[in-house]
Amino acid sequence: MEEKVLFVDDDANLLSSYQRSLRKEINIETALGGKAAIEAIKKLGPFAVIVSDFRMPEMDGIQFLALARGIAPRSVRIMLTGYADLQTAIDAVNQGNIFRLLTKPCPPETLALVLTAGIEQYRLVMAEKDILERTLSGGIKVLTDILSLVNPRAFSHAARVRRIVKQLAGHLGLDNTWQLEIAAMLSQLGCVTIPDEILAKVFTGKSLNETESKMYQGYAKAGASLIANIPRLEKIAQIIANQEQRYDGSGGEGPKGNDIPLESRILKVALDHDILVMAGLDSGLALVEIHKKGAWYDPGAVTALEKLITVETGYAVREVGIDELSTSMIIAEDIIDENGLLLVAKGQEVTASMRLRLVNFRKSMDVKSSIKVILLKE
């Protein structure tokens, strides 16, 4: 596909002149002003080269190119200006990271030469990106192949978790998920440092003694250290290093709450849910167990998991009135009275006596009239 060049200016006549003089040599798109150009980048890109005027209303060329750099970082950026003072040049380089700064009027032959150089630079960047991605993809495949041979159960766990996190990311509205998916694929790499008998206990829901537990707790950091020095996997190593961090900060040192990388928080709920399923629970009952330890997890990630399970199984999460409670439901949130006393802990199945108790409490005290529950399959 022929590379495209985007010209941005607030002068429609000037944009037309660029098209007339260069269209035989270069595939040109134009945009009238910075806002229109941002839309063009999103809808018509990618562009090999983006050329912007400096003086434009609402958004000058430096501001526009800085925004364009964030949206299309691999596009080569060029600025045209009739005000080539030193400060303009400094700002253009520092904020827009431009390839060339040209002064107006710029002869068509000069502009064509610069655009050709810009397209060549873009091709070099894209070729390097392709090599890096193929090298990275091959390296990741080697690592996952090794894991599949050393511990097939850990490999299958990682494969399922990758599918889960991709769907969770969709429910959370995340667009760029490649780092999260690769982190999921490599999340169990540290298991190569853990004895098979300990992993067998973990994956079948059996209790670990203190020594075994301490050994297993180190698997995430071990996995992160194995890939930390691989180019372009530094962020993924950070995600994996924090994938066992609890949202409330309990269970050890390290970041908590929103200081934990979002990808790690998503990975945590997916990993724990899948281990519960591996131990013999179905998806809905595994979700109940997740709710019981709700403080360990990012609330948004748990809500996304609820939506996923609702779609995939016969379970559903609903808010119902106390009078609507039935024995086909599980309480999905702690029920607390006006004095802070815990009446019912989340994760409990509804019984007739529980329902009666809550009805009576509601009459005499300030108790929530609607309660979040999980509807069991019939």
Protein backbone atom coordinates (compact mmCIF):
# COMPACT_ATOMS: atom_id res chain seq x y z
CA MET A 1 0.00 0.00 0.00
CA GLU A 2 1.33 3.45 -0.95
CA GLU A 3 2.22 5.59 2.05
CA LYS A 4 0.05 8.65 2.65
CA VAL A 5 0.99 12.20 3.65
CA LEU A 6 -1.32 14.51 5.62
CA PHE A 7 -1.08 18.29 5.13
CA VAL A 8 -2.62 20.49 7.83
CA ASP A 9 -3.26 24.22 7.40
CA ASP A 10 -6.00 26.77 8.06
CA ASP A 11 -5.72 28.08 4.48
CA ALA A 12 -7.86 25.99 2.10
CA ASN A 13 -6.25 27.58 -0.98
CA LEU A 14 -2.78 26.62 0.22
CA LEU A 15 -3.90 23.03 0.85
CA SER A 16 -5.27 22.89 -2.71
CA SER A 17 -1.97 24.16 -4.09
CA TYR A 18 -0.07 21.38 -2.24
CA GLN A 19 -2.37 18.79 -3.80
CA ARG A 20 -1.97 20.22 -7.31
CA SER A 21 1.83 20.43 -7.15
CA LEU A 22 2.55 17.11 -5.40
CA ARG A 23 -0.29 14.70 -6.19
CA LYS A 24 1.56 13.04 -9.11
CA GLU A 25 4.43 12.04 -6.84
CA ILE A 26 2.81 11.62 -3.41
CA ASN A 27 -0.52 10.34 -2.04
CA ILE A 28 -1.85 13.43 -0.21
CA GLU A 29 -4.72 14.00 2.22
CA THR A 30 -5.51 17.45 3.63
CA ALA A 31 -7.16 18.76 6.79
CA LEU A 32 -8.35 22.30 7.50
CA GLY A 33 -6.99 23.01 10.99
CA GLY A 34 -5.77 20.93 13.92
CA LYS A 35 -9.12 19.49 15.06
CA ALA A 36 -9.99 18.22 11.59
CA ALA A 37 -6.48 16.76 11.32
CA ILE A 38 -6.86 14.80 14.56
CA GLU A 39 -10.05 13.25 13.16
CA ALA A 40 -8.30 12.50 9.88
CA ILE A 41 -5.46 10.70 11.69
CA LYS A 42 -7.96 8.56 13.58
CA LYS A 43 -10.20 7.79 10.60
CA LEU A 44 -7.89 7.87 7.56
CA GLY A 45 -4.50 6.93 9.04
CA PRO A 46 -1.91 5.67 9.24
CA PHE A 47 0.05 8.50 7.63
CA ALA A 48 3.74 8.13 6.87
CA VAL A 49 4.28 11.90 7.15
CA ILE A 50 2.25 14.68 8.80
CA VAL A 51 3.00 18.24 7.66
CA SER A 52 1.55 21.10 9.70
CA ASP A 53 1.53 24.88 9.44
CA PHE A 54 2.66 26.71 12.57
CA ARG A 55 0.21 29.62 12.76
CA MET A 56 -3.34 28.24 13.01
CA PRO A 57 -6.32 29.41 15.11
CA GLU A 58 -7.55 27.37 18.11
CA MET A 59 -4.55 25.01 17.97
CA ASP A 60 -1.12 26.00 16.67
CA GLY A 61 1.20 23.62 14.84
CA ILE A 62 3.30 22.78 17.90
CA GLN A 63 0.21 21.85 19.94
CA PHE A 64 -1.20 19.83 17.06
CA LEU A 65 2.03 17.91 16.38
CA ALA A 66 2.38 17.11 20.08
CA LEU A 67 -1.14 15.61 20.01
CA ALA A 68 -0.42 13.82 16.74
CA ARG A 69 2.70 12.30 18.29
CA GLY A 70 0.53 10.74 21.01
CA ILE A 71 -2.02 9.35 18.54
CA ALA A 72 0.36 8.26 15.76
CA PRO A 73 3.84 8.05 17.28
CA ARG A 74 5.43 6.40 14.22
CA SER A 75 4.32 9.07 11.75
CA VAL A 76 7.13 11.43 10.72
CA ARG A 77 6.29 15.05 11.62
CA ILE A 78 7.25 18.16 9.63
CA MET A 79 6.43 21.81 10.35
CA LEU A 80 6.01 24.65 7.86
CA THR A 81 6.26 28.18 9.20
CA GLY A 82 6.72 31.75 8.06
CA TYR A 83 7.97 32.65 11.57
CA ALA A 84 11.18 30.66 11.90
CA ASP A 85 12.49 32.17 15.10
CA LEU A 86 14.73 30.15 17.41
CA GLN A 87 12.08 29.59 20.10
CA THR A 88 9.63 28.18 17.53
CA ALA A 89 12.29 25.73 16.39
CA ILE A 90 13.14 24.69 19.95
CA ASP A 91 9.48 24.18 20.90
CA ALA A 92 8.78 22.24 17.69
CA VAL A 93 11.65 19.85 18.36
CA ASN A 94 10.98 19.39 22.08
CA GLN A 95 7.18 19.11 22.00
CA GLY A 96 6.42 17.78 18.54
CA ASN A 97 9.64 15.80 18.02
CA ILE A 98 9.68 16.98 14.40
CA PHE A 99 11.76 15.55 11.56
CA ARG A 100 12.18 18.85 9.67
CA LEU A 101 11.29 22.54 10.14
CA LEU A 102 10.69 24.28 6.80
CA THR A 103 10.13 27.99 6.16
CA LYS A 104 7.49 29.47 3.91
CA PRO A 105 7.38 29.88 1.00
CA CYS A 106 8.83 26.43 0.37
CA PRO A 107 9.53 25.53 -3.31
CA PRO A 108 7.61 22.41 -4.44
CA GLU A 109 10.80 20.58 -5.41
CA THR A 110 12.30 21.18 -1.94
CA LEU A 111 9.08 20.05 -0.27
CA ALA A 112 8.96 16.92 -2.45
CA LEU A 113 12.54 16.01 -1.48
CA VAL A 114 11.80 16.45 2.25
CA LEU A 115 8.59 14.41 1.98
CA THR A 116 10.48 11.62 0.19
CA ALA A 117 13.07 11.62 2.99
CA GLY A 118 10.25 11.57 5.55
CA ILE A 119 8.60 8.57 3.87
CA GLU A 120 11.94 6.72 3.85
CA GLN A 121 12.34 7.47 7.55
CA TYR A 122 8.83 6.10 8.18
CA ARG A 123 9.69 2.92 6.26
CA LEU A 124 12.80 2.44 8.39
CA VAL A 125 10.78 2.87 11.60
CA MET A 126 8.12 0.41 10.43
CA ALA A 127 10.73 -2.13 9.28
CA GLU A 128 12.41 -1.97 12.69
CA LYS A 129 9.00 -2.36 14.35
CA ASP A 130 8.27 -5.43 12.21
CA ILE A 131 11.61 -7.03 13.06
CA LEU A 132 11.14 -6.32 16.76
CA GLU A 133 7.60 -7.71 16.76
CA ARG A 134 8.60 -10.90 14.94
CA THR A 135 11.59 -11.35 17.24
CA LEU A 136 9.41 -10.69 20.29
CA SER A 137 6.69 -13.04 19.06
CA GLY A 138 9.25 -15.78 18.46
CA GLY A 139 10.80 -15.28 21.90
CA ILE A 140 7.42 -15.45 23.63
CA LYS A 141 6.56 -18.63 21.73
CA VAL A 142 9.81 -20.24 22.90
CA LEU A 143 9.04 -19.33 26.52
CA THR A 144 5.47 -20.64 26.38
CA ASP A 145 6.62 -23.81 24.58
CA ILE A 146 9.11 -24.45 27.39
CA LEU A 147 6.37 -23.93 29.98
CA SER A 148 4.05 -26.35 28.13
CA LEU A 149 6.74 -29.02 28.27
CA VAL A 150 7.86 -28.43 31.86
CA ASN A 151 4.40 -28.02 33.37
CA PRO A 152 1.41 -28.59 31.05
CA ARG A 153 -1.06 -27.76 33.83
CA ALA A 154 0.49 -24.33 34.40
CA PHE A 155 0.56 -23.73 30.64
CA SER A 156 -3.15 -24.56 30.25
CA HIS A 157 -3.90 -22.30 33.24
CA ALA A 158 -2.09 -19.43 31.47
CA ALA A 159 -3.88 -20.12 28.18
CA ARG A 160 -7.31 -19.97 29.84
CA VAL A 161 -6.39 -16.82 31.76
CA ARG A 162 -5.32 -15.14 28.53
CA ARG A 163 -8.79 -15.74 27.11
CA ILE A 164 -10.41 -14.45 30.31
CA VAL A 165 -8.36 -11.23 30.56
CA LYS A 166 -9.04 -10.40 26.92
CA GLN A 167 -12.78 -10.59 27.61
CA LEU A 168 -12.46 -8.70 30.90
CA ALA A 169 -10.58 -5.94 29.09
CA GLY A 170 -13.46 -5.73 26.61
CA HIS A 171 -15.98 -5.30 29.44
CA LEU A 172 -13.73 -2.61 30.95
CA GLY A 173 -13.53 -0.74 27.63
CA LEU A 174 -9.77 -1.23 27.15
CA ASP A 175 -8.62 -1.08 23.53
CA ASN A 176 -4.89 -1.88 23.62
CA THR A 177 -4.65 -5.27 25.31
CA TRP A 178 -1.51 -6.81 23.82
CA GLN A 179 0.61 -6.27 26.95
CA LEU A 180 -2.13 -7.71 29.17
CA GLU A 181 -2.52 -10.77 26.92
CA ILE A 182 1.23 -11.43 26.76
CA ALA A 183 1.45 -11.00 30.55
CA ALA A 184 -1.29 -13.61 30.91
CA MET A 185 0.55 -15.99 28.56
CA LEU A 186 3.75 -15.59 30.59
CA SER A 187 2.07 -15.31 34.00
CA GLN A 188 2.99 -18.87 35.00
CA LEU A 189 6.59 -18.78 33.79
CA GLY A 190 7.81 -18.53 37.39
CA CYS A 191 6.20 -21.92 38.07
CA VAL A 192 9.32 -23.56 36.59
CA THR A 193 10.99 -22.65 39.92
CA ILE A 194 8.30 -24.38 42.03
CA PRO A 195 8.30 -28.16 42.76
CA ASP A 196 5.57 -30.09 40.92
CA GLU A 197 3.99 -31.40 44.13
CA ILE A 198 3.39 -27.83 45.38
CA LEU A 199 1.85 -26.76 42.07
CA ALA A 200 -0.37 -29.85 42.09
CA LYS A 201 -1.71 -28.79 45.49
CA VAL A 202 -2.35 -25.21 44.30
CA PHE A 203 -4.15 -26.29 41.14
CA THR A 204 -6.35 -28.83 42.95
CA GLY A 205 -7.34 -26.52 45.80
CA LYS A 206 -5.37 -28.27 48.55
CA SER A 207 -3.87 -26.35 51.47
CA LEU A 208 -0.18 -25.49 51.56
CA ASN A 209 1.92 -25.54 54.70
CA GLU A 210 3.85 -22.42 55.70
CA THR A 211 7.05 -23.40 53.86
CA GLU A 212 5.18 -24.37 50.70
CA SER A 213 3.09 -21.22 50.80
CA LYS A 214 6.16 -18.99 51.11
CA MET A 215 7.80 -20.81 48.19
CA TYR A 216 4.71 -20.48 45.97
CA GLN A 217 4.29 -16.77 46.80
CA GLY A 218 7.59 -16.09 45.06
CA TYR A 219 6.60 -17.51 41.68
CA ALA A 220 5.33 -14.20 40.21
CA LYS A 221 8.52 -12.29 41.07
CA ALA A 222 10.58 -15.21 39.74
CA GLY A 223 8.70 -15.15 36.45
CA ALA A 224 9.11 -11.37 36.17
CA SER A 225 12.86 -11.61 36.73
CA LEU A 226 13.17 -14.18 33.91
CA ILE A 227 11.82 -11.72 31.32
CA ALA A 228 12.75 -8.32 32.81
CA ASN A 229 15.85 -7.94 30.62
CA ILE A 230 14.15 -8.85 27.33
CA PRO A 231 13.67 -5.68 25.21
CA ARG A 232 10.05 -4.44 25.13
CA LEU A 233 9.00 -6.84 27.89
CA GLU A 234 9.93 -4.51 30.78
CA LYS A 235 6.32 -3.36 31.27
CA ILE A 236 5.08 -6.95 31.01
CA ALA A 237 7.59 -8.00 33.66
CA GLN A 238 6.19 -5.28 35.94
CA ILE A 239 2.63 -6.55 35.34
CA ILE A 240 3.64 -10.12 36.22
CA ALA A 241 5.64 -9.02 39.28
CA ASN A 242 2.45 -7.45 40.69
CA GLN A 243 -0.12 -10.02 39.53
CA GLU A 244 -0.51 -11.50 43.04
CA GLN A 245 -0.75 -8.13 44.84
CA ARG A 246 -4.01 -7.77 46.74
CA TYR A 247 -6.00 -4.60 46.18
CA ASP A 248 -6.30 -3.95 49.93
CA GLY A 249 -2.55 -4.40 50.46
CA SER A 250 -2.94 -7.45 52.72
CA GLY A 251 -0.68 -10.46 52.45
CA GLY A 252 2.67 -8.78 51.95
CA GLU A 253 4.64 -5.72 50.96
CA GLY A 254 4.17 -3.85 47.70
CA PRO A 255 1.73 -1.45 46.04
CA LYS A 256 -1.98 -1.53 46.81
CA GLY A 257 -5.17 -0.12 45.36
CA ASN A 258 -4.77 1.85 42.16
CA ASP A 259 -0.99 1.96 42.63
CA ILE A 260 -1.00 -1.64 41.36
CA PRO A 261 -0.86 -1.61 37.53
CA LEU A 262 -4.36 -1.99 36.07
CA GLU A 263 -3.24 -5.00 34.03
CA SER A 264 -2.01 -6.70 37.21
CA ARG A 265 -5.36 -6.07 38.91
CA ILE A 266 -7.23 -7.62 35.98
CA LEU A 267 -4.80 -10.55 35.93
CA LYS A 268 -5.21 -11.15 39.68
CA VAL A 269 -8.97 -11.72 39.51
CA ALA A 270 -8.64 -13.88 36.37
CA LEU A 271 -5.86 -16.03 37.87
CA ASP A 272 -7.69 -16.62 41.14
CA HIS A 273 -11.00 -17.38 39.44
CA ASP A 274 -9.39 -19.93 37.12
CA ILE A 275 -7.57 -21.65 40.01
CA LEU A 276 -10.91 -22.02 41.79
CA VAL A 277 -12.37 -23.58 38.63
CA MET A 278 -9.34 -25.89 38.37
CA ALA A 279 -10.01 -26.94 41.97
CA GLY A 280 -13.48 -28.17 40.97
CA LEU A 281 -15.87 -25.21 41.32
CA ASP A 282 -17.98 -24.08 38.41
CA SER A 283 -17.68 -20.46 37.25
CA GLY A 284 -20.59 -19.14 39.29
CA LEU A 285 -19.49 -20.71 42.58
CA ALA A 286 -15.91 -19.57 41.90
CA LEU A 287 -17.32 -16.05 41.58
CA VAL A 288 -18.95 -16.48 44.99
CA GLU A 289 -15.51 -17.27 46.45
CA ILE A 290 -14.09 -14.17 44.75
CA HIS A 291 -16.84 -12.11 46.39
CA LYS A 292 -15.98 -13.57 49.81
CA LYS A 293 -12.48 -12.12 49.45
CA GLY A 294 -13.69 -9.00 47.69
CA ALA A 295 -11.17 -6.65 49.32
CA TRP A 296 -8.37 -8.51 47.53
CA TYR A 297 -9.60 -7.39 44.12
CA ASP A 298 -10.17 -4.25 42.08
CA PRO A 299 -13.96 -3.66 42.19
CA GLY A 300 -14.04 -2.82 38.49
CA ALA A 301 -12.29 -6.07 37.59
CA VAL A 302 -14.78 -8.05 39.72
CA THR A 303 -17.72 -6.30 38.03
CA ALA A 304 -16.24 -7.18 34.63
CA LEU A 305 -15.90 -10.81 35.77
CA GLU A 306 -19.55 -10.80 36.85
CA LYS A 307 -20.58 -9.61 33.38
CA LEU A 308 -18.43 -12.27 31.73
CA ILE A 309 -19.88 -15.09 33.84
CA THR A 310 -23.40 -13.80 33.28
CA VAL A 311 -22.83 -14.08 29.52
CA GLU A 312 -21.10 -17.49 29.61
CA THR A 313 -23.17 -19.36 32.21
CA GLY A 314 -26.64 -19.56 33.66
CA TYR A 315 -25.59 -17.33 36.56
CA ALA A 316 -26.53 -13.69 36.80
CA VAL A 317 -25.76 -10.88 39.23
CA ARG A 318 -28.78 -8.79 40.20
CA GLU A 319 -30.02 -6.36 42.83
CA VAL A 320 -33.23 -7.57 44.44
CA GLY A 321 -35.44 -6.41 47.28
CA ILE A 322 -35.25 -8.26 50.62
CA ASP A 323 -38.77 -9.57 50.02
CA GLU A 324 -37.58 -11.11 46.72
CA LEU A 325 -34.77 -13.17 48.29
CA SER A 326 -35.00 -16.90 47.62
CA THR A 327 -32.98 -20.06 48.22
CA SER A 328 -31.76 -19.98 44.59
CA MET A 329 -29.59 -16.96 45.41
CA ILE A 330 -26.22 -16.23 47.01
CA ILE A 331 -25.54 -12.94 48.79
CA ALA A 332 -22.95 -11.00 46.76
CA GLU A 333 -22.22 -8.17 49.24
CA ASP A 334 -21.87 -7.74 53.00
CA ILE A 335 -25.15 -6.66 54.61
CA ILE A 336 -24.53 -4.22 57.44
CA ASP A 337 -26.99 -2.48 59.79
CA GLU A 338 -27.03 1.22 60.68
CA ASN A 339 -24.54 0.64 63.52
CA GLY A 340 -22.01 -1.11 61.29
CA LEU A 341 -22.88 -4.61 62.58
CA LEU A 342 -22.42 -7.34 59.99
CA LEU A 343 -25.73 -9.15 59.55
CA VAL A 344 -24.87 -11.41 56.61
CA ALA A 345 -21.47 -11.92 54.99
CA LYS A 346 -21.23 -12.06 51.21
CA GLY A 347 -20.93 -15.54 49.76
CA GLN A 348 -23.67 -17.09 51.90
CA GLU A 349 -26.53 -18.96 50.30
CA VAL A 350 -29.94 -17.51 51.13
CA THR A 351 -32.01 -19.57 53.57
CA ALA A 352 -35.58 -19.08 54.75
CA SER A 353 -34.38 -18.08 58.22
CA MET A 354 -31.89 -15.56 56.77
CA ARG A 355 -34.62 -13.98 54.69
CA LEU A 356 -36.95 -13.72 57.69
CA ARG A 357 -34.15 -12.22 59.79
CA LEU A 358 -33.42 -9.55 57.18
CA VAL A 359 -37.12 -8.71 56.77
CA ASN A 360 -37.38 -8.20 60.54
CA PHE A 361 -34.21 -6.13 60.70
CA ARG A 362 -35.43 -3.93 57.89
CA LYS A 363 -38.61 -3.17 59.85
CA SER A 364 -36.74 -2.16 63.01
CA MET A 365 -33.44 -0.76 61.71
CA ASP A 366 -31.92 1.03 58.73
CA VAL A 367 -30.94 -1.85 56.47
CA LYS A 368 -30.55 -1.65 52.68
CA SER A 369 -33.83 -2.39 50.93
CA SER A 370 -32.09 -3.90 47.87
CA ILE A 371 -29.25 -6.41 47.96
CA LYS A 372 -26.77 -7.60 45.34
CA VAL A 373 -27.14 -11.35 44.77
CA ILE A 374 -25.94 -14.10 42.44
CA LEU A 375 -28.78 -16.10 40.91
CA LEU A 376 -27.97 -19.79 40.84
CA LYS A 377 -28.67 -22.03 37.86
CA GLU A 378 -31.87 -23.99 38.16
